[in-house]
Amino acid sequence: MKRSYIPVALLLAVLMLNIIATQYMVHQYFYQNYTNTIIAAVVNVILFPVAFLIYKKGVMVND
């Protein structure tokens, strides 16, 4: 079976966006921009299930 690296690349991209959103959330919280903090938190909550779905559908299929 030929291995596909596209799901792995998508998973890495989503997890990198998750790290960026977390860093942005911490930065905005430090400077007391609570609206931006909540927006970044919502982005984090949305990105985590997306990464989980990519993992379940794409990466696990190749095993």
PDB file of N, CA and C in Angstrom:
ATOM      1  N   MET A   1       0.842  -1.173   0.000  1.00  0.00           N
ATOM      2  CA  MET A   1       0.000   0.000   0.000  1.00  0.00           C
ATOM      3  C   MET A   1       0.893   1.244   0.000  1.00  0.00           C
ATOM      4  N   LYS A   2       0.600   2.150  -0.899  1.00  0.00           N
ATOM      5  CA  LYS A   2       1.377   3.376  -0.996  1.00  0.00           C
ATOM      6  C   LYS A   2       0.971   4.344   0.114  1.00  0.00           C
ATOM      7  N   ARG A   3       1.964   4.904   0.768  1.00  0.00           N
ATOM      8  CA  ARG A   3       1.722   5.800   1.898  1.00  0.00           C
ATOM      9  C   ARG A   3       1.444   7.213   1.407  1.00  0.00           C
ATOM     10  N   SER A   4       0.441   7.860   1.993  1.00  0.00           N
ATOM     11  CA  SER A   4       0.083   9.222   1.636  1.00  0.00           C
ATOM     12  C   SER A   4       0.476  10.160   2.777  1.00  0.00           C
ATOM     13  N   TYR A   5       1.196  11.202   2.424  1.00  0.00           N
ATOM     14  CA  TYR A   5       1.662  12.151   3.428  1.00  0.00           C
ATOM     15  C   TYR A   5       0.785  13.395   3.508  1.00  0.00           C
ATOM     16  N   ILE A   6      -0.255  13.476   2.700  1.00  0.00           N
ATOM     17  CA  ILE A   6      -1.131  14.651   2.715  1.00  0.00           C
ATOM     18  C   ILE A   6      -1.875  14.778   4.053  1.00  0.00           C
ATOM     19  N   PRO A   7      -2.454  13.703   4.615  1.00  0.00           N
ATOM     20  CA  PRO A   7      -3.102  13.861   5.927  1.00  0.00           C
ATOM     21  C   PRO A   7      -2.122  14.271   7.030  1.00  0.00           C
ATOM     22  N   VAL A   8      -0.906  13.772   6.942  1.00  0.00           N
ATOM     23  CA  VAL A   8       0.105  14.141   7.940  1.00  0.00           C
ATOM     24  C   VAL A   8       0.437  15.622   7.818  1.00  0.00           C
ATOM     25  N   ALA A   9       0.583  16.112   6.597  1.00  0.00           N
ATOM     26  CA  ALA A   9       0.871  17.536   6.393  1.00  0.00           C
ATOM     27  C   ALA A   9      -0.297  18.403   6.858  1.00  0.00           C
ATOM     28  N   LEU A  10      -1.524  17.969   6.591  1.00  0.00           N
ATOM     29  CA  LEU A  10      -2.693  18.712   7.067  1.00  0.00           C
ATOM     30  C   LEU A  10      -2.755  18.736   8.592  1.00  0.00           C
ATOM     31  N   LEU A  11      -2.456  17.615   9.198  1.00  0.00           N
ATOM     32  CA  LEU A  11      -2.460  17.544  10.648  1.00  0.00           C
ATOM     33  C   LEU A  11      -1.398  18.463  11.246  1.00  0.00           C
ATOM     34  N   LEU A  12      -0.217  18.467  10.663  1.00  0.00           N
ATOM     35  CA  LEU A  12       0.830  19.365  11.140  1.00  0.00           C
ATOM     36  C   LEU A  12       0.442  20.831  10.980  1.00  0.00           C
ATOM     37  N   ALA A  13      -0.213  21.164   9.876  1.00  0.00           N
ATOM     38  CA  ALA A  13      -0.637  22.547   9.659  1.00  0.00           C
ATOM     39  C   ALA A  13      -1.687  22.973  10.676  1.00  0.00           C
ATOM     40  N   VAL A  14      -2.653  22.095  10.953  1.00  0.00           N
ATOM     41  CA  VAL A  14      -3.697  22.434  11.920  1.00  0.00           C
ATOM     42  C   VAL A  14      -3.108  22.560  13.320  1.00  0.00           C
ATOM     43  N   LEU A  15      -2.210  21.674  13.677  1.00  0.00           N
ATOM     44  CA  LEU A  15      -1.605  21.761  15.000  1.00  0.00           C
ATOM     45  C   LEU A  15      -0.716  22.992  15.134  1.00  0.00           C
ATOM     46  N   MET A  16      -0.058  23.415  14.062  1.00  0.00           N
ATOM     47  CA  MET A  16       0.719  24.656  14.096  1.00  0.00           C
ATOM     48  C   MET A  16      -0.204  25.857  14.279  1.00  0.00           C
ATOM     49  N   LEU A  17      -1.342  25.856  13.608  1.00  0.00           N
ATOM     50  CA  LEU A  17      -2.322  26.929  13.816  1.00  0.00           C
ATOM     51  C   LEU A  17      -2.847  26.931  15.253  1.00  0.00           C
ATOM     52  N   ASN A  18      -2.978  25.754  15.843  1.00  0.00           N
ATOM     53  CA  ASN A  18      -3.406  25.655  17.227  1.00  0.00           C
ATOM     54  C   ASN A  18      -2.377  26.270  18.164  1.00  0.00           C
ATOM     55  N   ILE A  19      -1.109  26.025  17.916  1.00  0.00           N
ATOM     56  CA  ILE A  19      -0.038  26.616  18.730  1.00  0.00           C
ATOM     57  C   ILE A  19      -0.014  28.129  18.565  1.00  0.00           C
ATOM     58  N   ILE A  20      -0.177  28.598  17.339  1.00  0.00           N
ATOM     59  CA  ILE A  20      -0.182  30.044  17.093  1.00  0.00           C
ATOM     60  C   ILE A  20      -1.357  30.707  17.804  1.00  0.00           C
ATOM     61  N   ALA A  21      -2.524  30.093  17.742  1.00  0.00           N
ATOM     62  CA  ALA A  21      -3.695  30.661  18.410  1.00  0.00           C
ATOM     63  C   ALA A  21      -3.515  30.671  19.923  1.00  0.00           C
ATOM     64  N   THR A  22      -2.874  29.646  20.473  1.00  0.00           N
ATOM     65  CA  THR A  22      -2.630  29.611  21.910  1.00  0.00           C
ATOM     66  C   THR A  22      -1.671  30.710  22.332  1.00  0.00           C
ATOM     67  N   GLN A  23      -0.601  30.900  21.566  1.00  0.00           N
ATOM     68  CA  GLN A  23       0.349  31.953  21.887  1.00  0.00           C
ATOM     69  C   GLN A  23      -0.306  33.330  21.788  1.00  0.00           C
ATOM     70  N   TYR A  24      -1.131  33.513  20.771  1.00  0.00           N
ATOM     71  CA  TYR A  24      -1.842  34.784  20.612  1.00  0.00           C
ATOM     72  C   TYR A  24      -2.800  35.020  21.769  1.00  0.00           C
ATOM     73  N   MET A  25      -3.479  33.956  22.206  1.00  0.00           N
ATOM     74  CA  MET A  25      -4.412  34.076  23.318  1.00  0.00           C
ATOM     75  C   MET A  25      -3.688  34.485  24.598  1.00  0.00           C
ATOM     76  N   VAL A  26      -2.556  33.877  24.885  1.00  0.00           N
ATOM     77  CA  VAL A  26      -1.787  34.226  26.082  1.00  0.00           C
ATOM     78  C   VAL A  26      -1.294  35.666  25.996  1.00  0.00           C
ATOM     79  N   HIS A  27      -0.829  36.070  24.834  1.00  0.00           N
ATOM     80  CA  HIS A  27      -0.344  37.437  24.646  1.00  0.00           C
ATOM     81  C   HIS A  27      -1.461  38.451  24.852  1.00  0.00           C
ATOM     82  N   GLN A  28      -2.619  38.194  24.295  1.00  0.00           N
ATOM     83  CA  GLN A  28      -3.735  39.118  24.428  1.00  0.00           C
ATOM     84  C   GLN A  28      -4.251  39.159  25.868  1.00  0.00           C
ATOM     85  N   TYR A  29      -4.228  38.034  26.556  1.00  0.00           N
ATOM     86  CA  TYR A  29      -4.651  38.011  27.945  1.00  0.00           C
ATOM     87  C   TYR A  29      -3.695  38.832  28.815  1.00  0.00           C
ATOM     88  N   PHE A  30      -2.402  38.736  28.519  1.00  0.00           N
ATOM     89  CA  PHE A  30      -1.406  39.493  29.284  1.00  0.00           C
ATOM     90  C   PHE A  30      -1.636  40.992  29.152  1.00  0.00           C
ATOM     91  N   TYR A  31      -2.004  41.437  27.956  1.00  0.00           N
ATOM     92  CA  TYR A  31      -2.252  42.863  27.728  1.00  0.00           C
ATOM     93  C   TYR A  31      -3.724  43.245  27.931  1.00  0.00           C
ATOM     94  N   GLN A  32      -4.491  42.378  28.536  1.00  0.00           N
ATOM     95  CA  GLN A  32      -5.870  42.604  28.937  1.00  0.00           C
ATOM     96  C   GLN A  32      -6.799  42.959  27.779  1.00  0.00           C
ATOM     97  N   ASN A  33      -6.578  42.338  26.645  1.00  0.00           N
ATOM     98  CA  ASN A  33      -7.487  42.447  25.506  1.00  0.00           C
ATOM     99  C   ASN A  33      -8.383  41.205  25.522  1.00  0.00           C
ATOM    100  N   TYR A  34      -9.411  41.257  26.352  1.00  0.00           N
ATOM    101  CA  TYR A  34     -10.187  40.054  26.629  1.00  0.00           C
ATOM    102  C   TYR A  34     -11.056  39.611  25.467  1.00  0.00           C
ATOM    103  N   THR A  35     -11.470  40.536  24.628  1.00  0.00           N
ATOM    104  CA  THR A  35     -12.260  40.151  23.451  1.00  0.00           C
ATOM    105  C   THR A  35     -11.419  39.299  22.505  1.00  0.00           C
ATOM    106  N   ASN A  36     -10.195  39.740  22.247  1.00  0.00           N
ATOM    107  CA  ASN A  36      -9.305  38.952  21.387  1.00  0.00           C
ATOM    108  C   ASN A  36      -8.925  37.627  22.035  1.00  0.00           C
ATOM    109  N   THR A  37      -8.838  37.619  23.361  1.00  0.00           N
ATOM    110  CA  THR A  37      -8.535  36.379  24.081  1.00  0.00           C
ATOM    111  C   THR A  37      -9.646  35.358  23.867  1.00  0.00           C
ATOM    112  N   ILE A  38     -10.883  35.800  23.954  1.00  0.00           N
ATOM    113  CA  ILE A  38     -12.012  34.884  23.769  1.00  0.00           C
ATOM    114  C   ILE A  38     -12.083  34.394  22.326  1.00  0.00           C
ATOM    115  N   ILE A  39     -11.794  35.260  21.380  1.00  0.00           N
ATOM    116  CA  ILE A  39     -11.795  34.857  19.965  1.00  0.00           C
ATOM    117  C   ILE A  39     -10.728  33.794  19.715  1.00  0.00           C
ATOM    118  N   ALA A  40      -9.528  33.997  20.262  1.00  0.00           N
ATOM    119  CA  ALA A  40      -8.458  33.011  20.090  1.00  0.00           C
ATOM    120  C   ALA A  40      -8.804  31.692  20.776  1.00  0.00           C
ATOM    121  N   ALA A  41      -9.487  31.763  21.916  1.00  0.00           N
ATOM    122  CA  ALA A  41      -9.906  30.543  22.608  1.00  0.00           C
ATOM    123  C   ALA A  41     -10.926  29.770  21.779  1.00  0.00           C
ATOM    124  N   VAL A  42     -11.844  30.482  21.145  1.00  0.00           N
ATOM    125  CA  VAL A  42     -12.840  29.825  20.289  1.00  0.00           C
ATOM    126  C   VAL A  42     -12.158  29.174  19.082  1.00  0.00           C
ATOM    127  N   VAL A  43     -11.169  29.852  18.518  1.00  0.00           N
ATOM    128  CA  VAL A  43     -10.412  29.272  17.398  1.00  0.00           C
ATOM    129  C   VAL A  43      -9.720  27.986  17.844  1.00  0.00           C
ATOM    130  N   ASN A  44      -9.156  27.998  19.053  1.00  0.00           N
ATOM    131  CA  ASN A  44      -8.531  26.784  19.588  1.00  0.00           C
ATOM    132  C   ASN A  44      -9.540  25.659  19.758  1.00  0.00           C
ATOM    133  N   VAL A  45     -10.716  25.982  20.247  1.00  0.00           N
ATOM    134  CA  VAL A  45     -11.744  24.959  20.459  1.00  0.00           C
ATOM    135  C   VAL A  45     -12.218  24.388  19.129  1.00  0.00           C
ATOM    136  N   ILE A  46     -12.240  25.196  18.100  1.00  0.00           N
ATOM    137  CA  ILE A  46     -12.654  24.725  16.774  1.00  0.00           C
ATOM    138  C   ILE A  46     -11.553  23.893  16.114  1.00  0.00           C
ATOM    139  N   LEU A  47     -10.303  24.301  16.286  1.00  0.00           N
ATOM    140  CA  LEU A  47      -9.207  23.604  15.614  1.00  0.00           C
ATOM    141  C   LEU A  47      -8.924  22.217  16.191  1.00  0.00           C
ATOM    142  N   PHE A  48      -9.162  22.024  17.473  1.00  0.00           N
ATOM    143  CA  PHE A  48      -8.847  20.724  18.064  1.00  0.00           C
ATOM    144  C   PHE A  48      -9.673  19.580  17.463  1.00  0.00           C
ATOM    145  N   PRO A  49     -10.995  19.709  17.331  1.00  0.00           N
ATOM    146  CA  PRO A  49     -11.741  18.615  16.693  1.00  0.00           C
ATOM    147  C   PRO A  49     -11.375  18.416  15.218  1.00  0.00           C
ATOM    148  N   VAL A  50     -11.004  19.505  14.540  1.00  0.00           N
ATOM    149  CA  VAL A  50     -10.570  19.370  13.150  1.00  0.00           C
ATOM    150  C   VAL A  50      -9.321  18.501  13.076  1.00  0.00           C
ATOM    151  N   ALA A  51      -8.370  18.751  13.974  1.00  0.00           N
ATOM    152  CA  ALA A  51      -7.153  17.934  14.007  1.00  0.00           C
ATOM    153  C   ALA A  51      -7.473  16.491  14.362  1.00  0.00           C
ATOM    154  N   PHE A  52      -8.401  16.304  15.268  1.00  0.00           N
ATOM    155  CA  PHE A  52      -8.783  14.943  15.655  1.00  0.00           C
ATOM    156  C   PHE A  52      -9.426  14.201  14.496  1.00  0.00           C
ATOM    157  N   LEU A  53     -10.280  14.887  13.729  1.00  0.00           N
ATOM    158  CA  LEU A  53     -10.909  14.248  12.565  1.00  0.00           C
ATOM    159  C   LEU A  53      -9.889  13.905  11.492  1.00  0.00           C
ATOM    160  N   ILE A  54      -8.938  14.805  11.256  1.00  0.00           N
ATOM    161  CA  ILE A  54      -7.882  14.507  10.280  1.00  0.00           C
ATOM    162  C   ILE A  54      -7.086  13.297  10.733  1.00  0.00           C
ATOM    163  N   TYR A  55      -6.798  13.226  12.008  1.00  0.00           N
ATOM    164  CA  TYR A  55      -6.045  12.087  12.541  1.00  0.00           C
ATOM    165  C   TYR A  55      -6.810  10.776  12.368  1.00  0.00           C
ATOM    166  N   LYS A  56      -8.097  10.791  12.715  1.00  0.00           N
ATOM    167  CA  LYS A  56      -8.884   9.571  12.638  1.00  0.00           C
ATOM    168  C   LYS A  56      -9.114   9.118  11.194  1.00  0.00           C
ATOM    169  N   LYS A  57      -9.411  10.051  10.303  1.00  0.00           N
ATOM    170  CA  LYS A  57      -9.762   9.673   8.932  1.00  0.00           C
ATOM    171  C   LYS A  57      -8.545   9.458   8.050  1.00  0.00           C
ATOM    172  N   GLY A  58      -7.511  10.276   8.209  1.00  0.00           N
ATOM    173  CA  GLY A  58      -6.400  10.227   7.289  1.00  0.00           C
ATOM    174  C   GLY A  58      -5.221   9.420   7.740  1.00  0.00           C
ATOM    175  N   VAL A  59      -4.746   9.660   8.926  1.00  0.00           N
ATOM    176  CA  VAL A  59      -3.519   9.023   9.377  1.00  0.00           C
ATOM    177  C   VAL A  59      -3.769   7.575   9.754  1.00  0.00           C
ATOM    178  N   MET A  60      -4.893   7.294  10.384  1.00  0.00           N
ATOM    179  CA  MET A  60      -5.173   5.935  10.839  1.00  0.00           C
ATOM    180  C   MET A  60      -5.511   4.990   9.689  1.00  0.00           C
ATOM    181  N   VAL A  61      -5.930   5.499   8.547  1.00  0.00           N
ATOM    182  CA  VAL A  61      -6.304   4.651   7.415  1.00  0.00           C
ATOM    183  C   VAL A  61      -5.085   3.912   6.879  1.00  0.00           C
ATOM    184  N   ASN A  62      -3.918   4.536   6.950  1.00  0.00           N
ATOM    185  CA  ASN A  62      -2.714   3.944   6.377  1.00  0.00           C
ATOM    186  C   ASN A  62      -2.117   2.847   7.233  1.00  0.00           C
ATOM    187  N   ASP A  63      -2.628   2.622   8.431  1.00  0.00           N
ATOM    188  CA  ASP A  63      -2.053   1.589   9.295  1.00  0.00           C
ATOM    189  C   ASP A  63      -2.509   0.212   8.889  1.00  0.00           C
TER     190      ASP A  63
END
